[in-house]
Amino acid sequence: MFRNIALLGLVLIVTSAQVQAEILTEEEQNQLTIARVEVKQVGGKTMMEETNLHSKMVDLNQVDPGRVVSIARDVVALGEDIYRLVIKGKPTNTTSYAPLSIVPKVNGVAADPFDLENFRVPVKYTYEMNYYNLYNMNVVKFRYSVIYSYGGTFNGTGAYITGAQIVPESVKTLFGFDFSATMKLGGIQNNGTKANPIAGATLLLEHNVSSVMNAVTKVDTFFITGRGGFKAYK
């Protein structure tokens, strides 16, 4: 019975969207049709300002390092492997999630991130994502930053990562469009040797824009390393 009710509700939603699309004028349909999406880097690599760094370090020292979310042969990821960045066009509070740390595996368990030393000042890469309709109007604009600290050592060896996260900076959507974005951990690996590990992590940004006319989902990939390496795949 409940299944039939749920299916009926889904049919009604789909039917309602189809009806809405059919009663729109051709101009309105073109305005609400997503035609393309562009992602561009806004400036290059930047070191976080001392004020932001101080705030960042305070935050990292106050929050729980997080649960184990991924395990590779020589490194372990702690934190949150998935969290929502934007829901229905509004940024979420990402500070409620533990940022990712990629730390060494010692005697089969993750080392405490606070036992690591020599982390560099956090770096930030900022991007802007723009969706356009058939009239080439910018209907959704989303700015976000990839932030992380690298270079951490454990007992004088290795290069590890802490404070890795994707942070929403601003979101602007035109009426009739629904935008959402989610951060996911794609995986971790050791880019060095067993004796001198170099942590590597893949961060995924999944974003979706929908209207009564169509929906578009895209995934952007970012690869970071404990040596400060950074690569974006669009």
Protein backbone atom coordinates (compact mmCIF):
# COMPACT_ATOMS: atom_id res chain seq x y z
CA MET A 1 0.00 0.00 0.00
CA PHE A 2 2.71 2.46 1.06
CA ARG A 3 4.71 1.52 -2.03
CA ASN A 4 1.73 2.28 -4.26
CA ILE A 5 1.24 5.63 -2.54
CA ALA A 6 4.92 6.49 -3.04
CA LEU A 7 4.75 5.54 -6.73
CA LEU A 8 1.58 7.61 -7.14
CA GLY A 9 3.34 10.58 -5.54
CA LEU A 10 6.30 10.21 -7.92
CA VAL A 11 3.97 10.03 -10.92
CA LEU A 12 2.16 13.16 -9.75
CA ILE A 13 5.46 15.03 -9.36
CA VAL A 14 6.67 14.01 -12.82
CA THR A 15 3.29 14.78 -14.34
CA SER A 16 3.19 18.16 -12.60
CA ALA A 17 6.64 19.06 -13.99
CA GLN A 18 5.57 18.01 -17.47
CA VAL A 19 2.42 20.09 -17.24
CA GLN A 20 4.40 23.10 -16.04
CA ALA A 21 6.81 22.74 -18.97
CA GLU A 22 3.95 22.41 -21.47
CA ILE A 23 2.18 25.61 -20.36
CA LEU A 24 5.33 27.72 -20.59
CA THR A 25 5.92 29.92 -23.62
CA GLU A 26 8.83 29.10 -25.91
CA GLU A 27 10.75 32.05 -24.46
CA GLU A 28 10.19 30.81 -20.90
CA GLN A 29 11.24 27.29 -21.87
CA ASN A 30 14.48 28.64 -23.35
CA GLN A 31 15.11 30.71 -20.24
CA LEU A 32 14.66 27.62 -18.02
CA THR A 33 16.70 25.21 -20.15
CA ILE A 34 20.26 24.62 -18.95
CA ALA A 35 22.50 24.68 -22.00
CA ARG A 36 26.07 24.56 -20.68
CA VAL A 37 28.30 24.83 -17.62
CA GLU A 38 31.76 26.36 -17.27
CA VAL A 39 34.21 26.03 -14.38
CA LYS A 40 37.19 28.36 -14.13
CA GLN A 41 39.90 28.97 -11.57
CA VAL A 42 39.66 32.39 -9.96
CA GLY A 43 43.27 33.35 -9.30
CA GLY A 44 46.09 30.92 -8.56
CA LYS A 45 47.31 29.17 -5.46
CA THR A 46 47.09 31.46 -2.44
CA MET A 47 48.44 31.12 1.07
CA MET A 48 45.78 31.73 3.66
CA GLU A 49 46.21 35.01 5.55
CA GLU A 50 47.58 34.90 9.06
CA THR A 51 44.18 35.86 10.52
CA ASN A 52 42.50 33.04 8.63
CA LEU A 53 45.32 30.66 9.50
CA HIS A 54 44.95 31.41 13.21
CA SER A 55 41.21 30.85 13.00
CA LYS A 56 41.78 27.68 11.02
CA MET A 57 44.24 26.27 13.52
CA VAL A 58 41.90 27.04 16.39
CA ASP A 59 39.10 25.22 14.59
CA LEU A 60 41.28 22.18 13.89
CA ASN A 61 42.34 21.98 17.51
CA GLN A 62 38.79 22.23 18.78
CA VAL A 63 37.07 19.64 16.60
CA ASP A 64 37.29 15.88 16.74
CA PRO A 65 39.75 14.55 14.10
CA GLY A 66 36.83 12.50 12.84
CA ARG A 67 36.22 8.85 12.16
CA VAL A 68 38.26 6.59 9.89
CA VAL A 69 36.71 7.00 6.44
CA SER A 70 39.27 5.30 4.18
CA ILE A 71 42.26 3.00 4.61
CA ALA A 72 45.11 2.37 2.18
CA ARG A 73 48.19 0.24 2.70
CA ASP A 74 50.29 2.90 4.44
CA VAL A 75 47.92 5.83 5.08
CA VAL A 76 44.52 6.41 6.70
CA ALA A 77 41.92 9.13 6.11
CA LEU A 78 40.15 10.66 9.09
CA GLY A 79 37.25 13.11 9.01
CA GLU A 80 34.12 13.16 6.85
CA ASP A 81 34.05 11.38 3.51
CA ILE A 82 30.89 13.14 2.33
CA TYR A 83 29.03 16.34 3.20
CA ARG A 84 26.62 18.73 1.53
CA LEU A 85 28.05 22.06 0.42
CA VAL A 86 24.88 23.61 -1.02
CA ILE A 87 21.26 22.57 -0.57
CA LYS A 88 18.55 24.22 -2.70
CA GLY A 89 20.79 27.15 -3.56
CA LYS A 90 21.98 27.90 -0.02
CA PRO A 91 25.46 27.15 1.42
CA THR A 92 25.53 24.77 4.37
CA ASN A 93 27.59 25.11 7.54
CA THR A 94 30.66 23.03 6.65
CA THR A 95 32.33 23.88 10.00
CA SER A 96 30.10 21.23 11.59
CA TYR A 97 32.11 18.54 9.75
CA ALA A 98 35.60 17.33 10.61
CA PRO A 99 38.01 18.25 7.77
CA LEU A 100 39.97 15.42 6.18
CA SER A 101 43.38 14.38 7.45
CA ILE A 102 45.53 11.80 5.65
CA VAL A 103 47.85 10.35 8.29
CA PRO A 104 50.21 7.37 8.63
CA LYS A 105 49.06 3.93 9.65
CA VAL A 106 51.04 2.86 12.72
CA ASN A 107 50.74 -0.71 13.99
CA GLY A 108 47.57 -1.10 11.96
CA VAL A 109 45.79 2.02 13.28
CA ALA A 110 45.69 5.69 12.34
CA ALA A 111 48.19 8.00 14.01
CA ASP A 112 46.75 10.94 15.93
CA PRO A 113 46.88 14.00 13.59
CA PHE A 114 48.12 16.09 16.53
CA ASP A 115 51.21 13.86 16.79
CA LEU A 116 52.31 15.07 13.36
CA GLU A 117 54.61 18.07 12.92
CA ASN A 118 55.79 20.66 10.37
CA PHE A 119 52.54 21.27 8.52
CA ARG A 120 52.78 24.19 6.08
CA VAL A 121 50.49 27.20 6.05
CA PRO A 122 47.15 26.14 4.48
CA VAL A 123 46.81 26.80 0.76
CA LYS A 124 43.64 27.68 -1.09
CA TYR A 125 42.51 27.29 -4.71
CA THR A 126 39.30 29.11 -5.60
CA TYR A 127 36.99 28.24 -8.49
CA GLU A 128 33.85 29.69 -9.99
CA MET A 129 31.19 27.58 -11.63
CA ASN A 130 28.69 29.14 -14.04
CA TYR A 131 25.59 27.59 -15.60
CA TYR A 132 24.00 29.20 -18.68
CA ASN A 133 20.61 28.87 -20.35
CA LEU A 134 19.80 28.90 -24.08
CA TYR A 135 19.93 32.70 -24.10
CA ASN A 136 23.46 32.55 -22.66
CA MET A 137 22.21 34.06 -19.40
CA ASN A 138 24.18 33.12 -16.27
CA VAL A 139 21.48 31.34 -14.23
CA VAL A 140 23.68 29.84 -11.50
CA LYS A 141 27.00 31.13 -10.16
CA PHE A 142 28.82 29.13 -7.48
CA ARG A 143 32.20 30.05 -6.00
CA TYR A 144 34.08 27.58 -3.81
CA SER A 145 37.59 26.90 -2.49
CA VAL A 146 39.71 23.78 -2.04
CA ILE A 147 41.76 24.20 1.14
CA TYR A 148 44.38 21.96 2.77
CA SER A 149 47.64 21.94 4.73
CA TYR A 150 50.48 19.69 3.60
CA GLY A 151 54.02 18.65 4.53
CA GLY A 152 53.24 17.13 7.93
CA THR A 153 55.83 14.64 9.19
CA PHE A 154 55.60 11.74 11.62
CA ASN A 155 58.78 10.91 13.56
CA GLY A 156 60.70 12.97 11.01
CA THR A 157 59.49 11.16 7.89
CA GLY A 158 56.67 11.29 5.39
CA ALA A 159 54.52 14.09 3.98
CA TYR A 160 50.93 14.12 5.16
CA ILE A 161 47.77 16.23 4.78
CA THR A 162 45.41 17.86 7.25
CA GLY A 163 42.46 20.25 7.11
CA ALA A 164 41.49 19.21 3.58
CA GLN A 165 38.02 20.40 2.60
CA ILE A 166 35.96 22.10 -0.07
CA VAL A 167 34.29 25.25 1.24
CA PRO A 168 31.38 27.11 -0.42
CA GLU A 169 32.14 30.83 -0.79
CA SER A 170 28.99 32.16 -2.47
CA VAL A 171 25.98 30.96 -4.46
CA LYS A 172 23.63 32.90 -6.74
CA THR A 173 20.71 31.29 -8.58
CA LEU A 174 17.97 32.79 -10.73
CA PHE A 175 14.32 32.01 -10.02
CA GLY A 176 13.26 28.65 -11.44
CA PHE A 177 16.56 26.84 -10.87
CA ASP A 178 17.49 24.50 -8.02
CA PHE A 179 21.21 24.04 -7.27
CA SER A 180 22.94 21.57 -4.94
CA ALA A 181 26.56 20.47 -4.40
CA THR A 182 28.22 17.70 -2.41
CA MET A 183 31.84 16.99 -1.44
CA LYS A 184 33.01 13.37 -1.49
CA LEU A 185 36.32 11.65 -0.78
CA GLY A 186 37.21 9.73 -3.93
CA GLY A 187 40.11 7.79 -2.41
CA ILE A 188 43.56 7.95 -0.81
CA GLN A 189 46.96 6.54 -1.70
CA ASN A 190 50.65 6.58 -0.86
CA ASN A 191 52.58 8.42 -3.59
CA GLY A 192 55.91 7.77 -1.91
CA THR A 193 57.55 4.71 -0.42
CA LYS A 194 56.70 2.59 2.59
CA ALA A 195 59.65 4.11 4.47
CA ASN A 196 58.80 7.67 3.40
CA PRO A 197 55.08 7.92 2.51
CA ILE A 198 53.61 10.85 0.60
CA ALA A 199 49.87 11.09 1.20
CA GLY A 200 47.58 11.60 -1.77
CA ALA A 201 43.84 12.19 -1.79
CA THR A 202 41.15 12.62 -4.44
CA LEU A 203 38.31 15.04 -3.63
CA LEU A 204 35.14 15.01 -5.70
CA LEU A 205 32.71 17.90 -6.10
CA GLU A 206 29.35 16.71 -7.41
CA HIS A 207 26.96 19.49 -8.43
CA ASN A 208 23.48 19.49 -9.88
CA VAL A 209 21.23 22.14 -11.42
CA SER A 210 17.61 21.43 -12.31
CA SER A 211 14.54 23.25 -13.60
CA VAL A 212 11.17 22.18 -14.95
CA MET A 213 12.87 21.80 -18.34
CA ASN A 214 15.97 19.72 -17.60
CA ALA A 215 18.63 18.73 -15.09
CA VAL A 216 22.42 18.61 -15.35
CA THR A 217 24.79 16.75 -13.02
CA LYS A 218 28.57 17.15 -13.19
CA VAL A 219 31.51 15.91 -11.10
CA ASP A 220 34.80 17.82 -10.78
CA THR A 221 37.87 16.05 -9.40
CA PHE A 222 40.78 17.46 -7.39
CA PHE A 223 43.94 15.56 -6.47
CA ILE A 224 46.14 16.81 -3.60
CA THR A 225 49.37 15.47 -2.12
CA GLY A 226 51.39 15.77 1.05
CA ARG A 227 54.10 17.59 -0.94
CA GLY A 228 51.66 20.34 -1.91
CA GLY A 229 50.82 18.91 -5.30
CA PHE A 230 47.47 19.95 -6.75
CA LYS A 231 45.66 18.90 -9.93
CA ALA A 232 42.14 19.78 -11.05
CA TYR A 233 40.26 17.62 -13.57
CA LYS A 234 37.26 19.23 -15.26
